Amino acid sequence: MMRPKTYAGLSLIATLAITYHAFNSRGQFYPAMVYLSTSKISLVLLLNMGLVIMCILWQLTKKVFLGSPREAKVERLNERSWREIMEILFAITIFRQDFSVTFLAMATALLLIQALHWLAQKRVEYIETTPVRLCPCYSTFVLYLSWFPSSPR
């Protein structure tokens, strides 16, 4: 199994290579962009780099707002994520005529926001069951809750 850092590095190298090839072979900005958006291999590589960037932002957001997760929290998140992925895949079959990169990005953003919401719920449950003590980690949690002001119940 490939490590995430190695995968991210290879994805970055492949994306830079395909972008360099597009600009080197086309010479101008517009033809290079047309090539990048119509060539299947370049589109796959660019979407792969988007996935890598999304994973990096996910890890950064999780680390900044929620700190290091406990084992029970990670297990519960994996269970709920698997169910949500299945529901999203079923929804994609309903809207298969509208399937596009934008639709895929919105479905992925929905899953990530739901996962952050679940992590925040678990953190609130944990805080409610532990004795009261003031520490800097609560300030980041308050910042996190103010960043997502409306959360569905």
C-alpha atoms as a PDB file:
ATOM      1  CA  MET A   1       0.000   0.000   0.000  1.00  0.00           C
ATOM      2  CA  MET A   2       1.335   3.404  -0.945  1.00  0.00           C
ATOM      3  CA  ARG A   3       1.812   5.974   1.797  1.00  0.00           C
ATOM      4  CA  PRO A   4      -0.296   9.153   1.530  1.00  0.00           C
ATOM      5  CA  LYS A   5       2.744  11.433   1.293  1.00  0.00           C
ATOM      6  CA  THR A   6       4.189   9.378  -1.553  1.00  0.00           C
ATOM      7  CA  TYR A   7       0.826   9.385  -3.339  1.00  0.00           C
ATOM      8  CA  ALA A   8       0.518  13.162  -2.908  1.00  0.00           C
ATOM      9  CA  GLY A   9       4.050  13.678  -4.219  1.00  0.00           C
ATOM     10  CA  LEU A  10       3.486  11.482  -7.266  1.00  0.00           C
ATOM     11  CA  SER A  11       0.172  13.204  -7.951  1.00  0.00           C
ATOM     12  CA  LEU A  12       1.851  16.605  -7.780  1.00  0.00           C
ATOM     13  CA  ILE A  13       4.621  15.500 -10.159  1.00  0.00           C
ATOM     14  CA  ALA A  14       2.082  14.043 -12.627  1.00  0.00           C
ATOM     15  CA  THR A  15      -0.059  17.195 -12.497  1.00  0.00           C
ATOM     16  CA  LEU A  16       2.934  19.441 -13.050  1.00  0.00           C
ATOM     17  CA  ALA A  17       4.103  17.230 -15.927  1.00  0.00           C
ATOM     18  CA  ILE A  18       0.737  17.288 -17.727  1.00  0.00           C
ATOM     19  CA  THR A  19       0.427  21.053 -17.189  1.00  0.00           C
ATOM     20  CA  TYR A  20       3.952  21.613 -18.515  1.00  0.00           C
ATOM     21  CA  HIS A  21       3.198  19.407 -21.523  1.00  0.00           C
ATOM     22  CA  ALA A  22      -0.008  21.344 -22.254  1.00  0.00           C
ATOM     23  CA  PHE A  23       1.677  24.746 -22.141  1.00  0.00           C
ATOM     24  CA  ASN A  24       4.808  23.551 -23.948  1.00  0.00           C
ATOM     25  CA  SER A  25       2.928  21.892 -26.812  1.00  0.00           C
ATOM     26  CA  ARG A  26       0.174  24.501 -27.256  1.00  0.00           C
ATOM     27  CA  GLY A  27       2.128  27.729 -26.710  1.00  0.00           C
ATOM     28  CA  GLN A  28      -0.808  29.892 -25.648  1.00  0.00           C
ATOM     29  CA  PHE A  29      -3.032  29.942 -22.604  1.00  0.00           C
ATOM     30  CA  TYR A  30      -6.423  29.243 -24.174  1.00  0.00           C
ATOM     31  CA  PRO A  31      -5.412  26.220 -26.309  1.00  0.00           C
ATOM     32  CA  ALA A  32      -3.558  24.782 -23.292  1.00  0.00           C
ATOM     33  CA  MET A  33      -6.672  25.134 -21.126  1.00  0.00           C
ATOM     34  CA  VAL A  34      -8.833  23.534 -23.807  1.00  0.00           C
ATOM     35  CA  TYR A  35      -6.385  20.630 -23.979  1.00  0.00           C
ATOM     36  CA  LEU A  36      -6.368  20.248 -20.175  1.00  0.00           C
ATOM     37  CA  SER A  37     -10.151  20.242 -20.002  1.00  0.00           C
ATOM     38  CA  THR A  38     -10.786  17.902 -22.952  1.00  0.00           C
ATOM     39  CA  SER A  39      -7.995  15.349 -22.681  1.00  0.00           C
ATOM     40  CA  LYS A  40      -9.163  12.417 -20.563  1.00  0.00           C
ATOM     41  CA  ILE A  41      -5.769  11.685 -19.017  1.00  0.00           C
ATOM     42  CA  SER A  42      -5.166  15.309 -18.068  1.00  0.00           C
ATOM     43  CA  LEU A  43      -8.637  15.572 -16.595  1.00  0.00           C
ATOM     44  CA  VAL A  44      -8.045  12.437 -14.519  1.00  0.00           C
ATOM     45  CA  LEU A  45      -4.710  13.776 -13.275  1.00  0.00           C
ATOM     46  CA  LEU A  46      -6.173  17.183 -12.408  1.00  0.00           C
ATOM     47  CA  LEU A  47      -9.128  15.616 -10.589  1.00  0.00           C
ATOM     48  CA  ASN A  48      -6.706  13.332  -8.755  1.00  0.00           C
ATOM     49  CA  MET A  49      -4.736  16.392  -7.623  1.00  0.00           C
ATOM     50  CA  GLY A  50      -8.005  17.961  -6.509  1.00  0.00           C
ATOM     51  CA  LEU A  51      -8.665  14.864  -4.414  1.00  0.00           C
ATOM     52  CA  VAL A  52      -5.196  15.119  -2.858  1.00  0.00           C
ATOM     53  CA  ILE A  53      -5.711  18.810  -2.054  1.00  0.00           C
ATOM     54  CA  MET A  54      -9.114  18.027  -0.554  1.00  0.00           C
ATOM     55  CA  CYS A  55      -7.589  15.316   1.670  1.00  0.00           C
ATOM     56  CA  ILE A  56      -4.844  17.681   2.813  1.00  0.00           C
ATOM     57  CA  LEU A  57      -7.399  20.389   3.647  1.00  0.00           C
ATOM     58  CA  TRP A  58      -9.519  17.794   5.474  1.00  0.00           C
ATOM     59  CA  GLN A  59      -6.577  16.716   7.638  1.00  0.00           C
ATOM     60  CA  LEU A  60      -5.588  20.335   8.306  1.00  0.00           C
ATOM     61  CA  THR A  61      -9.122  21.366   9.257  1.00  0.00           C
ATOM     62  CA  LYS A  62      -9.521  18.346  11.502  1.00  0.00           C
ATOM     63  CA  LYS A  63      -6.170  18.972  13.200  1.00  0.00           C
ATOM     64  CA  VAL A  64      -6.760  22.713  13.745  1.00  0.00           C
ATOM     65  CA  PHE A  65     -10.322  22.550  15.012  1.00  0.00           C
ATOM     66  CA  LEU A  66     -10.597  19.136  16.659  1.00  0.00           C
ATOM     67  CA  GLY A  67      -7.058  18.106  17.575  1.00  0.00           C
ATOM     68  CA  SER A  68      -5.971  14.492  17.576  1.00  0.00           C
ATOM     69  CA  PRO A  69      -8.942  12.116  17.499  1.00  0.00           C
ATOM     70  CA  ARG A  70      -9.513   9.314  19.985  1.00  0.00           C
ATOM     71  CA  GLU A  71      -9.730   5.751  18.678  1.00  0.00           C
ATOM     72  CA  ALA A  72     -13.472   5.451  19.397  1.00  0.00           C
ATOM     73  CA  LYS A  73     -14.129   8.667  17.509  1.00  0.00           C
ATOM     74  CA  VAL A  74     -12.232   7.452  14.447  1.00  0.00           C
ATOM     75  CA  GLU A  75     -14.075   4.121  14.461  1.00  0.00           C
ATOM     76  CA  ARG A  76     -17.477   5.797  14.745  1.00  0.00           C
ATOM     77  CA  LEU A  77     -16.566   8.249  11.972  1.00  0.00           C
ATOM     78  CA  ASN A  78     -15.568   5.385   9.673  1.00  0.00           C
ATOM     79  CA  GLU A  79     -18.874   3.581  10.310  1.00  0.00           C
ATOM     80  CA  ARG A  80     -20.991   6.647   9.625  1.00  0.00           C
ATOM     81  CA  SER A  81     -18.899   7.651   6.602  1.00  0.00           C
ATOM     82  CA  TRP A  82     -19.359   4.217   5.017  1.00  0.00           C
ATOM     83  CA  ARG A  83     -23.146   4.476   5.379  1.00  0.00           C
ATOM     84  CA  GLU A  84     -23.169   8.010   3.995  1.00  0.00           C
ATOM     85  CA  ILE A  85     -20.991   7.044   1.036  1.00  0.00           C
ATOM     86  CA  MET A  86     -23.454   4.288   0.177  1.00  0.00           C
ATOM     87  CA  GLU A  87     -26.385   6.730   0.410  1.00  0.00           C
ATOM     88  CA  ILE A  88     -24.551   9.245  -1.801  1.00  0.00           C
ATOM     89  CA  LEU A  89     -23.775   6.542  -4.362  1.00  0.00           C
ATOM     90  CA  PHE A  90     -27.449   5.576  -4.446  1.00  0.00           C
ATOM     91  CA  ALA A  91     -28.344   9.244  -4.939  1.00  0.00           C
ATOM     92  CA  ILE A  92     -25.841   9.470  -7.791  1.00  0.00           C
ATOM     93  CA  THR A  93     -27.677   6.633  -9.568  1.00  0.00           C
ATOM     94  CA  ILE A  94     -30.868   8.688  -9.384  1.00  0.00           C
ATOM     95  CA  PHE A  95     -29.178  11.808 -10.795  1.00  0.00           C
ATOM     96  CA  ARG A  96     -26.929  10.037 -13.309  1.00  0.00           C
ATOM     97  CA  GLN A  97     -28.020  12.362 -16.147  1.00  0.00           C
ATOM     98  CA  ASP A  98     -26.675  15.326 -14.171  1.00  0.00           C
ATOM     99  CA  PHE A  99     -23.394  13.626 -13.267  1.00  0.00           C
ATOM    100  CA  SER A 100     -20.502  16.048 -13.716  1.00  0.00           C
ATOM    101  CA  VAL A 101     -17.397  17.256 -11.953  1.00  0.00           C
ATOM    102  CA  THR A 102     -19.440  19.933 -10.166  1.00  0.00           C
ATOM    103  CA  PHE A 103     -21.955  17.367  -8.940  1.00  0.00           C
ATOM    104  CA  LEU A 104     -19.153  15.124  -7.698  1.00  0.00           C
ATOM    105  CA  ALA A 105     -17.484  18.062  -5.926  1.00  0.00           C
ATOM    106  CA  MET A 106     -20.753  19.001  -4.203  1.00  0.00           C
ATOM    107  CA  ALA A 107     -21.375  15.414  -3.083  1.00  0.00           C
ATOM    108  CA  THR A 108     -17.849  15.193  -1.690  1.00  0.00           C
ATOM    109  CA  ALA A 109     -18.189  18.544   0.073  1.00  0.00           C
ATOM    110  CA  LEU A 110     -21.460  17.326   1.587  1.00  0.00           C
ATOM    111  CA  LEU A 111     -19.745  14.222   2.959  1.00  0.00           C
ATOM    112  CA  LEU A 112     -16.857  16.241   4.406  1.00  0.00           C
ATOM    113  CA  ILE A 113     -19.151  18.765   6.087  1.00  0.00           C
ATOM    114  CA  GLN A 114     -21.213  15.922   7.548  1.00  0.00           C
ATOM    115  CA  ALA A 115     -18.065  14.265   8.883  1.00  0.00           C
ATOM    116  CA  LEU A 116     -16.936  17.511  10.518  1.00  0.00           C
ATOM    117  CA  HIS A 117     -20.399  17.835  12.032  1.00  0.00           C
ATOM    118  CA  TRP A 118     -20.199  14.297  13.446  1.00  0.00           C
ATOM    119  CA  LEU A 119     -16.769  15.003  14.905  1.00  0.00           C
ATOM    120  CA  ALA A 120     -18.081  18.173  16.524  1.00  0.00           C
ATOM    121  CA  GLN A 121     -21.046  16.263  17.973  1.00  0.00           C
ATOM    122  CA  LYS A 122     -18.712  13.650  19.453  1.00  0.00           C
ATOM    123  CA  ARG A 123     -16.532  16.401  20.905  1.00  0.00           C
ATOM    124  CA  VAL A 124     -19.574  18.038  22.524  1.00  0.00           C
ATOM    125  CA  GLU A 125     -20.634  14.687  23.998  1.00  0.00           C
ATOM    126  CA  TYR A 126     -17.109  14.168  25.314  1.00  0.00           C
ATOM    127  CA  ILE A 127     -16.981  17.664  26.839  1.00  0.00           C
ATOM    128  CA  GLU A 128     -20.381  17.166  28.467  1.00  0.00           C
ATOM    129  CA  THR A 129     -19.238  13.944  30.161  1.00  0.00           C
ATOM    130  CA  THR A 130     -15.870  15.209  31.428  1.00  0.00           C
ATOM    131  CA  PRO A 131     -15.308  17.485  34.436  1.00  0.00           C
ATOM    132  CA  VAL A 132     -15.201  21.218  33.771  1.00  0.00           C
ATOM    133  CA  ARG A 133     -11.736  22.627  33.207  1.00  0.00           C
ATOM    134  CA  LEU A 134     -10.590  25.564  31.152  1.00  0.00           C
ATOM    135  CA  CYS A 135      -7.874  25.035  28.592  1.00  0.00           C
ATOM    136  CA  PRO A 136      -6.886  26.498  25.211  1.00  0.00           C
ATOM    137  CA  CYS A 137      -8.432  23.565  23.350  1.00  0.00           C
ATOM    138  CA  TYR A 138     -11.908  24.885  24.144  1.00  0.00           C
ATOM    139  CA  SER A 139     -11.173  28.153  22.379  1.00  0.00           C
ATOM    140  CA  THR A 140     -10.451  26.284  19.146  1.00  0.00           C
ATOM    141  CA  PHE A 141     -13.642  24.304  19.602  1.00  0.00           C
ATOM    142  CA  VAL A 142     -15.666  27.525  20.035  1.00  0.00           C
ATOM    143  CA  LEU A 143     -13.965  28.871  16.909  1.00  0.00           C
ATOM    144  CA  TYR A 144     -14.927  25.679  15.076  1.00  0.00           C
ATOM    145  CA  LEU A 145     -18.560  25.933  16.168  1.00  0.00           C
ATOM    146  CA  SER A 146     -18.731  29.567  15.103  1.00  0.00           C
ATOM    147  CA  TRP A 147     -17.306  28.599  11.704  1.00  0.00           C
ATOM    148  CA  PHE A 148     -20.269  26.257  11.105  1.00  0.00           C
ATOM    149  CA  PRO A 149     -23.069  28.291  12.717  1.00  0.00           C
ATOM    150  CA  SER A 150     -26.042  26.269  11.535  1.00  0.00           C
ATOM    151  CA  SER A 151     -25.997  22.555  12.023  1.00  0.00           C
ATOM    152  CA  PRO A 152     -29.034  20.381  11.262  1.00  0.00           C
ATOM    153  CA  ARG A 153     -30.316  18.134  14.006  1.00  0.00           C
END
